[in-house]
Amino acid sequence: VSLQFVDPTFAGQGEEGWKRQRLKALQAVAEFGPDDPQKVYGVIRTMLASLKDPYTRFLTPEQFESLTTVYAASS
C-alpha cells in the first residue's frame, strides 16, 4: 500500500479514535468469543466502516483465496 493512499487522520477519528475503535472491536469479540467467525467478521467490518473509506474492505479467508486464485490464473 502506498502511503499516498493512507489517511493519517483515520477519517477524522485521529489515532486515539482509531485505537478506541479497535478496543471496542476486541471487547465485542470478548463478549461472545472468537469461535463464531461470522460474528467476528461482522465486528471487523463495523470497525473498518468507521474509516468511511470505499476502498477499505475485509475479505473472509474464502473470499481472499478466491480472489488470489483468480489473479494467479490470469497471470
N, C-alpha and C. Protein backbone atom coordinates (compact mmCIF):
# COMPACT_ATOMS: atom_id res chain seq x y z
N VAL A 1 0.85 -1.17 0.00
CA VAL A 1 0.00 0.00 0.00
C VAL A 1 0.89 1.23 0.00
N SER A 2 0.62 2.11 -0.90
CA SER A 2 1.37 3.35 -0.97
C SER A 2 0.88 4.30 0.11
N LEU A 3 1.80 5.01 0.73
CA LEU A 3 1.43 5.94 1.79
C LEU A 3 0.53 7.06 1.29
N GLN A 4 0.54 7.32 -0.02
CA GLN A 4 -0.34 8.38 -0.53
C GLN A 4 -1.81 7.99 -0.41
N PHE A 5 -2.09 6.72 -0.18
CA PHE A 5 -3.47 6.26 -0.06
C PHE A 5 -3.91 6.07 1.39
N VAL A 6 -3.03 6.38 2.32
CA VAL A 6 -3.35 6.21 3.73
C VAL A 6 -3.83 7.55 4.30
N ASP A 7 -4.96 7.53 4.98
CA ASP A 7 -5.50 8.72 5.62
C ASP A 7 -4.94 8.78 7.04
N PRO A 8 -3.98 9.65 7.28
CA PRO A 8 -3.36 9.69 8.61
C PRO A 8 -4.32 10.17 9.71
N THR A 9 -5.48 10.72 9.33
CA THR A 9 -6.45 11.16 10.34
C THR A 9 -7.45 10.07 10.70
N PHE A 10 -7.37 8.92 10.02
CA PHE A 10 -8.31 7.83 10.25
C PHE A 10 -9.74 8.34 10.14
N ALA A 11 -10.03 9.02 9.04
CA ALA A 11 -11.37 9.57 8.75
C ALA A 11 -11.81 10.55 9.83
N GLY A 12 -10.86 11.34 10.28
CA GLY A 12 -11.17 12.36 11.28
C GLY A 12 -11.21 11.85 12.71
N GLN A 13 -11.01 10.55 12.89
CA GLN A 13 -11.04 9.97 14.24
C GLN A 13 -9.75 10.25 15.00
N GLY A 14 -8.68 10.45 14.25
CA GLY A 14 -7.37 10.57 14.87
C GLY A 14 -6.89 9.20 15.32
N GLU A 15 -5.64 9.15 15.68
CA GLU A 15 -5.06 7.87 16.10
C GLU A 15 -5.75 7.34 17.35
N GLU A 16 -6.08 8.22 18.28
CA GLU A 16 -6.76 7.77 19.50
C GLU A 16 -8.16 7.24 19.21
N GLY A 17 -8.85 7.89 18.27
CA GLY A 17 -10.18 7.40 17.89
C GLY A 17 -10.12 6.03 17.26
N TRP A 18 -9.11 5.82 16.42
CA TRP A 18 -8.94 4.50 15.80
C TRP A 18 -8.60 3.46 16.85
N LYS A 19 -7.78 3.82 17.83
CA LYS A 19 -7.46 2.89 18.92
C LYS A 19 -8.73 2.54 19.70
N ARG A 20 -9.62 3.51 19.90
CA ARG A 20 -10.89 3.23 20.58
C ARG A 20 -11.74 2.26 19.76
N GLN A 21 -11.74 2.44 18.43
CA GLN A 21 -12.49 1.52 17.57
C GLN A 21 -11.96 0.09 17.71
N ARG A 22 -10.64 -0.04 17.72
CA ARG A 22 -10.03 -1.37 17.87
C ARG A 22 -10.38 -1.97 19.22
N LEU A 23 -10.34 -1.15 20.27
CA LEU A 23 -10.66 -1.64 21.61
C LEU A 23 -12.12 -2.08 21.67
N LYS A 24 -13.03 -1.30 21.08
CA LYS A 24 -14.45 -1.69 21.03
C LYS A 24 -14.61 -3.03 20.32
N ALA A 25 -13.86 -3.21 19.24
CA ALA A 25 -13.94 -4.47 18.49
C ALA A 25 -13.46 -5.63 19.35
N LEU A 26 -12.35 -5.45 20.04
CA LEU A 26 -11.83 -6.51 20.90
C LEU A 26 -12.82 -6.83 22.02
N GLN A 27 -13.42 -5.82 22.59
CA GLN A 27 -14.40 -6.04 23.66
C GLN A 27 -15.63 -6.77 23.14
N ALA A 28 -16.07 -6.42 21.94
CA ALA A 28 -17.23 -7.09 21.35
C ALA A 28 -16.94 -8.57 21.14
N VAL A 29 -15.78 -8.88 20.61
CA VAL A 29 -15.42 -10.28 20.38
C VAL A 29 -15.26 -11.01 21.71
N ALA A 30 -14.73 -10.33 22.72
CA ALA A 30 -14.56 -10.95 24.03
C ALA A 30 -15.91 -11.35 24.63
N GLU A 31 -16.97 -10.62 24.29
CA GLU A 31 -18.30 -10.93 24.83
C GLU A 31 -18.84 -12.26 24.34
N PHE A 32 -18.60 -12.58 23.06
CA PHE A 32 -19.15 -13.82 22.52
C PHE A 32 -18.09 -14.85 22.17
N GLY A 33 -16.83 -14.47 22.23
CA GLY A 33 -15.74 -15.40 21.95
C GLY A 33 -15.39 -15.45 20.48
N PRO A 34 -14.23 -15.99 20.19
CA PRO A 34 -13.73 -15.99 18.81
C PRO A 34 -14.20 -17.17 17.97
N ASP A 35 -15.08 -18.01 18.52
CA ASP A 35 -15.43 -19.25 17.83
C ASP A 35 -16.50 -19.11 16.75
N ASP A 36 -17.12 -17.94 16.65
CA ASP A 36 -18.13 -17.73 15.60
C ASP A 36 -17.56 -16.77 14.57
N PRO A 37 -16.99 -17.32 13.48
CA PRO A 37 -16.32 -16.46 12.51
C PRO A 37 -17.23 -15.38 11.93
N GLN A 38 -18.50 -15.67 11.71
CA GLN A 38 -19.38 -14.68 11.11
C GLN A 38 -19.56 -13.47 12.02
N LYS A 39 -19.66 -13.71 13.32
CA LYS A 39 -19.77 -12.60 14.27
C LYS A 39 -18.47 -11.79 14.31
N VAL A 40 -17.35 -12.49 14.31
CA VAL A 40 -16.04 -11.81 14.33
C VAL A 40 -15.89 -10.98 13.06
N TYR A 41 -16.24 -11.54 11.92
CA TYR A 41 -16.15 -10.80 10.66
C TYR A 41 -17.03 -9.56 10.70
N GLY A 42 -18.21 -9.67 11.30
CA GLY A 42 -19.11 -8.53 11.43
C GLY A 42 -18.49 -7.42 12.26
N VAL A 43 -17.83 -7.80 13.35
CA VAL A 43 -17.16 -6.82 14.20
C VAL A 43 -16.05 -6.12 13.44
N ILE A 44 -15.28 -6.89 12.69
CA ILE A 44 -14.20 -6.30 11.89
C ILE A 44 -14.76 -5.34 10.85
N ARG A 45 -15.82 -5.75 10.18
CA ARG A 45 -16.44 -4.87 9.17
C ARG A 45 -16.96 -3.58 9.79
N THR A 46 -17.55 -3.69 10.98
CA THR A 46 -18.04 -2.49 11.67
C THR A 46 -16.88 -1.56 12.00
N MET A 47 -15.78 -2.12 12.48
CA MET A 47 -14.61 -1.32 12.82
C MET A 47 -14.08 -0.61 11.57
N LEU A 48 -13.96 -1.34 10.48
CA LEU A 48 -13.44 -0.74 9.25
C LEU A 48 -14.41 0.28 8.66
N ALA A 49 -15.71 0.09 8.86
CA ALA A 49 -16.69 1.05 8.34
C ALA A 49 -16.49 2.43 8.96
N SER A 50 -15.93 2.49 10.16
CA SER A 50 -15.69 3.78 10.81
C SER A 50 -14.69 4.62 10.03
N LEU A 51 -13.93 3.98 9.15
CA LEU A 51 -12.96 4.72 8.33
C LEU A 51 -13.63 5.45 7.17
N LYS A 52 -14.88 5.08 6.87
CA LYS A 52 -15.64 5.72 5.78
C LYS A 52 -14.84 5.76 4.47
N ASP A 53 -14.16 4.67 4.19
CA ASP A 53 -13.32 4.57 3.00
C ASP A 53 -13.91 3.52 2.07
N PRO A 54 -14.35 3.91 0.89
CA PRO A 54 -14.97 2.94 -0.02
C PRO A 54 -14.01 1.87 -0.54
N TYR A 55 -12.72 2.06 -0.34
CA TYR A 55 -11.74 1.10 -0.84
C TYR A 55 -11.21 0.17 0.24
N THR A 56 -11.59 0.39 1.48
CA THR A 56 -11.16 -0.48 2.57
C THR A 56 -12.22 -1.55 2.75
N ARG A 57 -11.79 -2.80 2.61
CA ARG A 57 -12.71 -3.93 2.71
C ARG A 57 -12.07 -5.04 3.51
N PHE A 58 -12.93 -5.81 4.15
CA PHE A 58 -12.48 -7.02 4.82
C PHE A 58 -12.91 -8.20 3.96
N LEU A 59 -11.98 -9.09 3.70
CA LEU A 59 -12.28 -10.30 2.96
C LEU A 59 -12.16 -11.49 3.90
N THR A 60 -13.14 -12.37 3.85
CA THR A 60 -13.02 -13.61 4.61
C THR A 60 -11.88 -14.42 4.00
N PRO A 61 -11.37 -15.41 4.71
CA PRO A 61 -10.32 -16.24 4.11
C PRO A 61 -10.77 -16.86 2.79
N GLU A 62 -12.03 -17.25 2.70
CA GLU A 62 -12.53 -17.85 1.46
C GLU A 62 -12.55 -16.83 0.32
N GLN A 63 -12.99 -15.62 0.62
CA GLN A 63 -13.01 -14.57 -0.40
C GLN A 63 -11.60 -14.24 -0.87
N PHE A 64 -10.67 -14.16 0.07
CA PHE A 64 -9.29 -13.85 -0.28
C PHE A 64 -8.70 -14.96 -1.14
N GLU A 65 -8.95 -16.19 -0.77
CA GLU A 65 -8.44 -17.32 -1.56
C GLU A 65 -9.00 -17.29 -2.98
N SER A 66 -10.29 -17.04 -3.08
CA SER A 66 -10.93 -16.96 -4.39
C SER A 66 -10.32 -15.86 -5.24
N LEU A 67 -10.13 -14.70 -4.64
CA LEU A 67 -9.55 -13.55 -5.34
C LEU A 67 -8.13 -13.84 -5.81
N THR A 68 -7.32 -14.40 -4.93
CA THR A 68 -5.93 -14.67 -5.31
C THR A 68 -5.84 -15.79 -6.34
N THR A 69 -6.76 -16.74 -6.28
CA THR A 69 -6.77 -17.81 -7.27
C THR A 69 -7.10 -17.26 -8.65
N VAL A 70 -8.07 -16.36 -8.72
CA VAL A 70 -8.44 -15.75 -9.99
C VAL A 70 -7.26 -14.97 -10.57
N TYR A 71 -6.59 -14.18 -9.73
CA TYR A 71 -5.47 -13.39 -10.22
C TYR A 71 -4.28 -14.26 -10.60
N ALA A 72 -4.05 -15.32 -9.86
CA ALA A 72 -2.93 -16.22 -10.18
C ALA A 72 -3.19 -16.93 -11.51
N ALA A 73 -4.44 -17.27 -11.78
CA ALA A 73 -4.78 -17.96 -13.03
C ALA A 73 -4.67 -17.03 -14.23
N SER A 74 -4.86 -15.73 -14.00
CA SER A 74 -4.82 -14.81 -15.14
C SER A 74 -3.41 -14.30 -15.45
N SER A 75 -2.46 -14.62 -14.60
CA SER A 75 -1.09 -14.12 -14.88
C SER A 75 -0.21 -15.16 -15.51
